[in-house]
Amino acid sequence: MNLNEFELNLIERTDCGTSAARKLRAQNKALVSIYGADFAAKSAYIDYDVLDKAVHSKTLFNKFTNLHLGKEKLLAFAKVVQ
């Protein structure tokens, strides 16, 4: 990893829907959607505190991010965090 890269470990979501999302949020998890031209959209989650720290330290933006999703490693560029 070089200085222009950042890494986050995500957990793939197996349950979708409003009630599943509420349960994850109640456990202090942030929901993540990953889109790309070369693959179908993926749903995942991450510990909220880890994501919050990355956003507030400004390391997430303007850098490529290696997303570890299970055994997959995806290279991403953060556009929006809401």
PDB file of N, CA and C in Angstrom:
ATOM      1  N   MET A   1       0.846  -1.176   0.000  1.00  0.00           N
ATOM      2  CA  MET A   1       0.000   0.000   0.000  1.00  0.00           C
ATOM      3  C   MET A   1       0.893   1.242   0.000  1.00  0.00           C
ATOM      4  N   ASN A   2       0.565   2.215  -0.858  1.00  0.00           N
ATOM      5  CA  ASN A   2       1.325   3.459  -0.855  1.00  0.00           C
ATOM      6  C   ASN A   2       0.496   4.576  -0.218  1.00  0.00           C
ATOM      7  N   LEU A   3       1.044   5.772  -0.186  1.00  0.00           N
ATOM      8  CA  LEU A   3       0.376   6.884   0.494  1.00  0.00           C
ATOM      9  C   LEU A   3      -0.905   7.335  -0.173  1.00  0.00           C
ATOM     10  N   ASN A   4      -1.124   6.980  -1.430  1.00  0.00           N
ATOM     11  CA  ASN A   4      -2.346   7.371  -2.132  1.00  0.00           C
ATOM     12  C   ASN A   4      -3.419   6.301  -2.053  1.00  0.00           C
ATOM     13  N   GLU A   5      -3.229   5.314  -1.203  1.00  0.00           N
ATOM     14  CA  GLU A   5      -4.210   4.254  -1.042  1.00  0.00           C
ATOM     15  C   GLU A   5      -4.652   4.164   0.411  1.00  0.00           C
ATOM     16  N   PHE A   6      -5.835   3.616   0.598  1.00  0.00           N
ATOM     17  CA  PHE A   6      -6.420   3.440   1.917  1.00  0.00           C
ATOM     18  C   PHE A   6      -7.109   2.081   1.906  1.00  0.00           C
ATOM     19  N   GLU A   7      -7.229   1.417   3.035  1.00  0.00           N
ATOM     20  CA  GLU A   7      -7.838   0.092   3.070  1.00  0.00           C
ATOM     21  C   GLU A   7      -8.974   0.035   4.088  1.00  0.00           C
ATOM     22  N   LEU A   8     -10.054  -0.632   3.686  1.00  0.00           N
ATOM     23  CA  LEU A   8     -11.187  -0.872   4.576  1.00  0.00           C
ATOM     24  C   LEU A   8     -11.611  -2.329   4.443  1.00  0.00           C
ATOM     25  N   ASN A   9     -11.946  -2.941   5.558  1.00  0.00           N
ATOM     26  CA  ASN A   9     -12.451  -4.311   5.554  1.00  0.00           C
ATOM     27  C   ASN A   9     -13.958  -4.268   5.708  1.00  0.00           C
ATOM     28  N   LEU A  10     -14.655  -4.816   4.730  1.00  0.00           N
ATOM     29  CA  LEU A  10     -16.117  -4.835   4.727  1.00  0.00           C
ATOM     30  C   LEU A  10     -16.618  -6.254   4.923  1.00  0.00           C
ATOM     31  N   ILE A  11     -17.860  -6.361   5.372  1.00  0.00           N
ATOM     32  CA  ILE A  11     -18.521  -7.654   5.521  1.00  0.00           C
ATOM     33  C   ILE A  11     -19.719  -7.654   4.591  1.00  0.00           C
ATOM     34  N   GLU A  12     -19.808  -8.684   3.763  1.00  0.00           N
ATOM     35  CA  GLU A  12     -20.907  -8.755   2.797  1.00  0.00           C
ATOM     36  C   GLU A  12     -22.235  -8.971   3.512  1.00  0.00           C
ATOM     37  N   ARG A  13     -23.257  -8.255   3.054  1.00  0.00           N
ATOM     38  CA  ARG A  13     -24.603  -8.406   3.612  1.00  0.00           C
ATOM     39  C   ARG A  13     -25.276  -9.606   2.978  1.00  0.00           C
ATOM     40  N   THR A  14     -25.833 -10.455   3.824  1.00  0.00           N
ATOM     41  CA  THR A  14     -26.586 -11.600   3.317  1.00  0.00           C
ATOM     42  C   THR A  14     -28.082 -11.328   3.362  1.00  0.00           C
ATOM     43  N   ASP A  15     -28.521 -10.532   4.334  1.00  0.00           N
ATOM     44  CA  ASP A  15     -29.933 -10.171   4.458  1.00  0.00           C
ATOM     45  C   ASP A  15     -30.127  -8.742   3.978  1.00  0.00           C
ATOM     46  N   CYS A  16     -31.137  -8.536   3.161  1.00  0.00           N
ATOM     47  CA  CYS A  16     -31.449  -7.193   2.676  1.00  0.00           C
ATOM     48  C   CYS A  16     -32.848  -6.819   3.140  1.00  0.00           C
ATOM     49  N   GLY A  17     -33.163  -5.563   3.010  1.00  0.00           N
ATOM     50  CA  GLY A  17     -34.477  -5.087   3.408  1.00  0.00           C
ATOM     51  C   GLY A  17     -34.385  -4.154   4.589  1.00  0.00           C
ATOM     52  N   THR A  18     -35.511  -3.522   4.885  1.00  0.00           N
ATOM     53  CA  THR A  18     -35.568  -2.501   5.923  1.00  0.00           C
ATOM     54  C   THR A  18     -35.266  -3.060   7.309  1.00  0.00           C
ATOM     55  N   SER A  19     -35.849  -4.184   7.663  1.00  0.00           N
ATOM     56  CA  SER A  19     -35.638  -4.707   9.020  1.00  0.00           C
ATOM     57  C   SER A  19     -34.192  -5.167   9.218  1.00  0.00           C
ATOM     58  N   ALA A  20     -33.593  -5.754   8.191  1.00  0.00           N
ATOM     59  CA  ALA A  20     -32.190  -6.169   8.284  1.00  0.00           C
ATOM     60  C   ALA A  20     -31.285  -4.955   8.426  1.00  0.00           C
ATOM     61  N   ALA A  21     -31.582  -3.889   7.684  1.00  0.00           N
ATOM     62  CA  ALA A  21     -30.793  -2.663   7.768  1.00  0.00           C
ATOM     63  C   ALA A  21     -30.922  -2.033   9.156  1.00  0.00           C
ATOM     64  N   ARG A  22     -32.105  -2.030   9.710  1.00  0.00           N
ATOM     65  CA  ARG A  22     -32.312  -1.465  11.053  1.00  0.00           C
ATOM     66  C   ARG A  22     -31.528  -2.244  12.109  1.00  0.00           C
ATOM     67  N   LYS A  23     -31.526  -3.563  11.971  1.00  0.00           N
ATOM     68  CA  LYS A  23     -30.781  -4.386  12.933  1.00  0.00           C
ATOM     69  C   LYS A  23     -29.291  -4.076  12.867  1.00  0.00           C
ATOM     70  N   LEU A  24     -28.756  -3.922  11.662  1.00  0.00           N
ATOM     71  CA  LEU A  24     -27.338  -3.599  11.523  1.00  0.00           C
ATOM     72  C   LEU A  24     -27.025  -2.227  12.097  1.00  0.00           C
ATOM     73  N   ARG A  25     -27.880  -1.251  11.818  1.00  0.00           N
ATOM     74  CA  ARG A  25     -27.660   0.095  12.365  1.00  0.00           C
ATOM     75  C   ARG A  25     -27.726   0.090  13.894  1.00  0.00           C
ATOM     76  N   ALA A  26     -28.597  -0.728  14.457  1.00  0.00           N
ATOM     77  CA  ALA A  26     -28.701  -0.842  15.911  1.00  0.00           C
ATOM     78  C   ALA A  26     -27.430  -1.445  16.510  1.00  0.00           C
ATOM     79  N   GLN A  27     -26.694  -2.198  15.704  1.00  0.00           N
ATOM     80  CA  GLN A  27     -25.427  -2.801  16.142  1.00  0.00           C
ATOM     81  C   GLN A  27     -24.233  -1.903  15.804  1.00  0.00           C
ATOM     82  N   ASN A  28     -24.493  -0.626  15.469  1.00  0.00           N
ATOM     83  CA  ASN A  28     -23.459   0.362  15.158  1.00  0.00           C
ATOM     84  C   ASN A  28     -22.706   0.015  13.868  1.00  0.00           C
ATOM     85  N   LYS A  29     -23.440  -0.466  12.879  1.00  0.00           N
ATOM     86  CA  LYS A  29     -22.854  -0.781  11.575  1.00  0.00           C
ATOM     87  C   LYS A  29     -23.348   0.222  10.542  1.00  0.00           C
ATOM     88  N   ALA A  30     -22.481   0.568   9.591  1.00  0.00           N
ATOM     89  CA  ALA A  30     -22.842   1.459   8.489  1.00  0.00           C
ATOM     90  C   ALA A  30     -23.014   0.614   7.235  1.00  0.00           C
ATOM     91  N   LEU A  31     -24.078   0.878   6.497  1.00  0.00           N
ATOM     92  CA  LEU A  31     -24.360   0.135   5.271  1.00  0.00           C
ATOM     93  C   LEU A  31     -23.551   0.713   4.124  1.00  0.00           C
ATOM     94  N   VAL A  32     -23.049  -0.156   3.264  1.00  0.00           N
ATOM     95  CA  VAL A  32     -22.199   0.244   2.147  1.00  0.00           C
ATOM     96  C   VAL A  32     -22.740  -0.364   0.867  1.00  0.00           C
ATOM     97  N   SER A  33     -22.839   0.457  -0.181  1.00  0.00           N
ATOM     98  CA  SER A  33     -23.202  -0.026  -1.514  1.00  0.00           C
ATOM     99  C   SER A  33     -22.020   0.226  -2.436  1.00  0.00           C
ATOM    100  N   ILE A  34     -21.643  -0.785  -3.192  1.00  0.00           N
ATOM    101  CA  ILE A  34     -20.488  -0.682  -4.084  1.00  0.00           C
ATOM    102  C   ILE A  34     -20.977  -0.912  -5.505  1.00  0.00           C
ATOM    103  N   TYR A  35     -20.706   0.051  -6.370  1.00  0.00           N
ATOM    104  CA  TYR A  35     -21.118  -0.021  -7.763  1.00  0.00           C
ATOM    105  C   TYR A  35     -19.886   0.022  -8.651  1.00  0.00           C
ATOM    106  N   GLY A  36     -19.959  -0.659  -9.774  1.00  0.00           N
ATOM    107  CA  GLY A  36     -18.855  -0.608 -10.728  1.00  0.00           C
ATOM    108  C   GLY A  36     -19.308  -1.058 -12.095  1.00  0.00           C
ATOM    109  N   ALA A  37     -18.558  -0.666 -13.086  1.00  0.00           N
ATOM    110  CA  ALA A  37     -18.896  -1.024 -14.465  1.00  0.00           C
ATOM    111  C   ALA A  37     -18.626  -2.498 -14.750  1.00  0.00           C
ATOM    112  N   ASP A  38     -17.686  -3.080 -14.016  1.00  0.00           N
ATOM    113  CA  ASP A  38     -17.263  -4.445 -14.310  1.00  0.00           C
ATOM    114  C   ASP A  38     -17.935  -5.518 -13.466  1.00  0.00           C
ATOM    115  N   PHE A  39     -18.816  -5.132 -12.549  1.00  0.00           N
ATOM    116  CA  PHE A  39     -19.458  -6.128 -11.690  1.00  0.00           C
ATOM    117  C   PHE A  39     -20.815  -5.629 -11.224  1.00  0.00           C
ATOM    118  N   ALA A  40     -21.624  -6.549 -10.748  1.00  0.00           N
ATOM    119  CA  ALA A  40     -22.947  -6.194 -10.226  1.00  0.00           C
ATOM    120  C   ALA A  40     -22.787  -5.467  -8.896  1.00  0.00           C
ATOM    121  N   ALA A  41     -23.765  -4.663  -8.551  1.00  0.00           N
ATOM    122  CA  ALA A  41     -23.731  -3.919  -7.290  1.00  0.00           C
ATOM    123  C   ALA A  41     -23.611  -4.889  -6.114  1.00  0.00           C
ATOM    124  N   LYS A  42     -22.870  -4.474  -5.107  1.00  0.00           N
ATOM    125  CA  LYS A  42     -22.659  -5.306  -3.929  1.00  0.00           C
ATOM    126  C   LYS A  42     -23.116  -4.536  -2.700  1.00  0.00           C
ATOM    127  N   SER A  43     -23.665  -5.259  -1.741  1.00  0.00           N
ATOM    128  CA  SER A  43     -24.096  -4.670  -0.476  1.00  0.00           C
ATOM    129  C   SER A  43     -23.223  -5.218   0.636  1.00  0.00           C
ATOM    130  N   ALA A  44     -22.788  -4.331   1.503  1.00  0.00           N
ATOM    131  CA  ALA A  44     -21.912  -4.734   2.596  1.00  0.00           C
ATOM    132  C   ALA A  44     -22.156  -3.822   3.785  1.00  0.00           C
ATOM    133  N   TYR A  45     -21.428  -4.082   4.867  1.00  0.00           N
ATOM    134  CA  TYR A  45     -21.471  -3.183   6.013  1.00  0.00           C
ATOM    135  C   TYR A  45     -20.098  -3.130   6.669  1.00  0.00           C
ATOM    136  N   ILE A  46     -19.913  -2.085   7.471  1.00  0.00           N
ATOM    137  CA  ILE A  46     -18.658  -1.855   8.172  1.00  0.00           C
ATOM    138  C   ILE A  46     -18.996  -1.263   9.527  1.00  0.00           C
ATOM    139  N   ASP A  47     -18.112  -1.440  10.478  1.00  0.00           N
ATOM    140  CA  ASP A  47     -18.306  -0.829  11.788  1.00  0.00           C
ATOM    141  C   ASP A  47     -18.378   0.685  11.619  1.00  0.00           C
ATOM    142  N   TYR A  48     -19.388   1.309  12.177  1.00  0.00           N
ATOM    143  CA  TYR A  48     -19.596   2.747  12.004  1.00  0.00           C
ATOM    144  C   TYR A  48     -18.397   3.563  12.485  1.00  0.00           C
ATOM    145  N   ASP A  49     -17.822   3.176  13.611  1.00  0.00           N
ATOM    146  CA  ASP A  49     -16.709   3.942  14.172  1.00  0.00           C
ATOM    147  C   ASP A  49     -15.490   3.931  13.258  1.00  0.00           C
ATOM    148  N   VAL A  50     -15.234   2.824  12.586  1.00  0.00           N
ATOM    149  CA  VAL A  50     -14.116   2.733  11.642  1.00  0.00           C
ATOM    150  C   VAL A  50     -14.345   3.662  10.454  1.00  0.00           C
ATOM    151  N   LEU A  51     -15.560   3.633   9.911  1.00  0.00           N
ATOM    152  CA  LEU A  51     -15.886   4.499   8.782  1.00  0.00           C
ATOM    153  C   LEU A  51     -15.863   5.970   9.194  1.00  0.00           C
ATOM    154  N   ASP A  52     -16.405   6.281  10.348  1.00  0.00           N
ATOM    155  CA  ASP A  52     -16.425   7.658  10.843  1.00  0.00           C
ATOM    156  C   ASP A  52     -15.008   8.195  11.023  1.00  0.00           C
ATOM    157  N   LYS A  53     -14.132   7.376  11.553  1.00  0.00           N
ATOM    158  CA  LYS A  53     -12.739   7.793  11.730  1.00  0.00           C
ATOM    159  C   LYS A  53     -12.075   8.064  10.382  1.00  0.00           C
ATOM    160  N   ALA A  54     -12.343   7.217   9.387  1.00  0.00           N
ATOM    161  CA  ALA A  54     -11.765   7.408   8.051  1.00  0.00           C
ATOM    162  C   ALA A  54     -12.284   8.690   7.412  1.00  0.00           C
ATOM    163  N   VAL A  55     -13.574   8.952   7.550  1.00  0.00           N
ATOM    164  CA  VAL A  55     -14.170  10.152   6.953  1.00  0.00           C
ATOM    165  C   VAL A  55     -13.636  11.410   7.621  1.00  0.00           C
ATOM    166  N   HIS A  56     -13.564  11.420   8.929  1.00  0.00           N
ATOM    167  CA  HIS A  56     -13.128  12.630   9.635  1.00  0.00           C
ATOM    168  C   HIS A  56     -11.628  12.860   9.589  1.00  0.00           C
ATOM    169  N   SER A  57     -10.870  11.834   9.284  1.00  0.00           N
ATOM    170  CA  SER A  57      -9.424  12.037   9.145  1.00  0.00           C
ATOM    171  C   SER A  57      -9.073  12.439   7.715  1.00  0.00           C
ATOM    172  N   LYS A  58     -10.087  12.493   6.861  1.00  0.00           N
ATOM    173  CA  LYS A  58      -9.949  12.885   5.456  1.00  0.00           C
ATOM    174  C   LYS A  58      -9.041  11.941   4.657  1.00  0.00           C
ATOM    175  N   THR A  59      -8.828  10.733   5.165  1.00  0.00           N
ATOM    176  CA  THR A  59      -8.009   9.772   4.431  1.00  0.00           C
ATOM    177  C   THR A  59      -8.819   9.013   3.390  1.00  0.00           C
ATOM    178  N   LEU A  60     -10.126   9.063   3.508  1.00  0.00           N
ATOM    179  CA  LEU A  60     -10.970   8.305   2.594  1.00  0.00           C
ATOM    180  C   LEU A  60     -11.139   8.987   1.242  1.00  0.00           C
ATOM    181  N   PHE A  61     -11.143  10.306   1.232  1.00  0.00           N
ATOM    182  CA  PHE A  61     -11.397  11.037   0.002  1.00  0.00           C
ATOM    183  C   PHE A  61     -10.099  11.382  -0.710  1.00  0.00           C
ATOM    184  N   ASN A  62     -10.188  11.500  -2.025  1.00  0.00           N
ATOM    185  CA  ASN A  62      -9.050  11.829  -2.879  1.00  0.00           C
ATOM    186  C   ASN A  62      -7.960  10.774  -2.862  1.00  0.00           C
ATOM    187  N   LYS A  63      -8.319   9.565  -2.495  1.00  0.00           N
ATOM    188  CA  LYS A  63      -7.383   8.446  -2.513  1.00  0.00           C
ATOM    189  C   LYS A  63      -8.115   7.216  -3.010  1.00  0.00           C
ATOM    190  N   PHE A  64      -7.373   6.313  -3.589  1.00  0.00           N
ATOM    191  CA  PHE A  64      -7.959   5.028  -3.933  1.00  0.00           C
ATOM    192  C   PHE A  64      -8.089   4.217  -2.658  1.00  0.00           C
ATOM    193  N   THR A  65      -9.174   3.462  -2.564  1.00  0.00           N
ATOM    194  CA  THR A  65      -9.440   2.662  -1.382  1.00  0.00           C
ATOM    195  C   THR A  65      -9.510   1.197  -1.770  1.00  0.00           C
ATOM    196  N   ASN A  66      -8.731   0.375  -1.090  1.00  0.00           N
ATOM    197  CA  ASN A  66      -8.812  -1.068  -1.275  1.00  0.00           C
ATOM    198  C   ASN A  66      -9.905  -1.573  -0.344  1.00  0.00           C
ATOM    199  N   LEU A  67     -10.957  -2.111  -0.925  1.00  0.00           N
ATOM    200  CA  LEU A  67     -12.050  -2.668  -0.139  1.00  0.00           C
ATOM    201  C   LEU A  67     -11.872  -4.177  -0.095  1.00  0.00           C
ATOM    202  N   HIS A  68     -11.726  -4.711   1.091  1.00  0.00           N
ATOM    203  CA  HIS A  68     -11.619  -6.153   1.264  1.00  0.00           C
ATOM    204  C   HIS A  68     -13.009  -6.659   1.626  1.00  0.00           C
ATOM    205  N   LEU A  69     -13.610  -7.405   0.733  1.00  0.00           N
ATOM    206  CA  LEU A  69     -14.962  -7.927   0.904  1.00  0.00           C
ATOM    207  C   LEU A  69     -14.884  -9.440   0.806  1.00  0.00           C
ATOM    208  N   GLY A  70     -14.785 -10.094   1.946  1.00  0.00           N
ATOM    209  CA  GLY A  70     -14.563 -11.535   1.949  1.00  0.00           C
ATOM    210  C   GLY A  70     -13.190 -11.827   1.363  1.00  0.00           C
ATOM    211  N   LYS A  71     -13.142 -12.667   0.341  1.00  0.00           N
ATOM    212  CA  LYS A  71     -11.874 -12.985  -0.319  1.00  0.00           C
ATOM    213  C   LYS A  71     -11.572 -12.034  -1.472  1.00  0.00           C
ATOM    214  N   GLU A  72     -12.536 -11.167  -1.797  1.00  0.00           N
ATOM    215  CA  GLU A  72     -12.367 -10.216  -2.904  1.00  0.00           C
ATOM    216  C   GLU A  72     -11.646  -8.960  -2.439  1.00  0.00           C
ATOM    217  N   LYS A  73     -10.878  -8.389  -3.337  1.00  0.00           N
ATOM    218  CA  LYS A  73     -10.244  -7.094  -3.089  1.00  0.00           C
ATOM    219  C   LYS A  73     -10.655  -6.185  -4.238  1.00  0.00           C
ATOM    220  N   LEU A  74     -11.376  -5.113  -3.907  1.00  0.00           N
ATOM    221  CA  LEU A  74     -11.883  -4.180  -4.909  1.00  0.00           C
ATOM    222  C   LEU A  74     -11.184  -2.844  -4.729  1.00  0.00           C
ATOM    223  N   LEU A  75     -10.775  -2.256  -5.833  1.00  0.00           N
ATOM    224  CA  LEU A  75     -10.175  -0.935  -5.796  1.00  0.00           C
ATOM    225  C   LEU A  75     -11.283   0.080  -6.088  1.00  0.00           C
ATOM    226  N   ALA A  76     -11.473   1.032  -5.189  1.00  0.00           N
ATOM    227  CA  ALA A  76     -12.588   1.976  -5.302  1.00  0.00           C
ATOM    228  C   ALA A  76     -12.103   3.393  -5.046  1.00  0.00           C
ATOM    229  N   PHE A  77     -12.937   4.335  -5.459  1.00  0.00           N
ATOM    230  CA  PHE A  77     -12.698   5.756  -5.212  1.00  0.00           C
ATOM    231  C   PHE A  77     -13.980   6.295  -4.583  1.00  0.00           C
ATOM    232  N   ALA A  78     -13.903   6.769  -3.351  1.00  0.00           N
ATOM    233  CA  ALA A  78     -15.100   7.224  -2.629  1.00  0.00           C
ATOM    234  C   ALA A  78     -15.630   8.512  -3.266  1.00  0.00           C
ATOM    235  N   LYS A  79     -16.914   8.502  -3.579  1.00  0.00           N
ATOM    236  CA  LYS A  79     -17.545   9.700  -4.132  1.00  0.00           C
ATOM    237  C   LYS A  79     -18.485  10.340  -3.128  1.00  0.00           C
ATOM    238  N   VAL A  80     -19.286   9.520  -2.463  1.00  0.00           N
ATOM    239  CA  VAL A  80     -20.310  10.056  -1.569  1.00  0.00           C
ATOM    240  C   VAL A  80     -20.361   9.224  -0.287  1.00  0.00           C
ATOM    241  N   VAL A  81     -20.421   9.906   0.833  1.00  0.00           N
ATOM    242  CA  VAL A  81     -20.701   9.270   2.114  1.00  0.00           C
ATOM    243  C   VAL A  81     -21.868  10.057   2.704  1.00  0.00           C
ATOM    244  N   GLN A  82     -22.975   9.367   2.961  1.00  0.00           N
ATOM    245  CA  GLN A  82     -24.130  10.074   3.501  1.00  0.00           C
ATOM    246  C   GLN A  82     -24.687   9.364   4.715  1.00  0.00           C
TER     247      GLN A  82
END
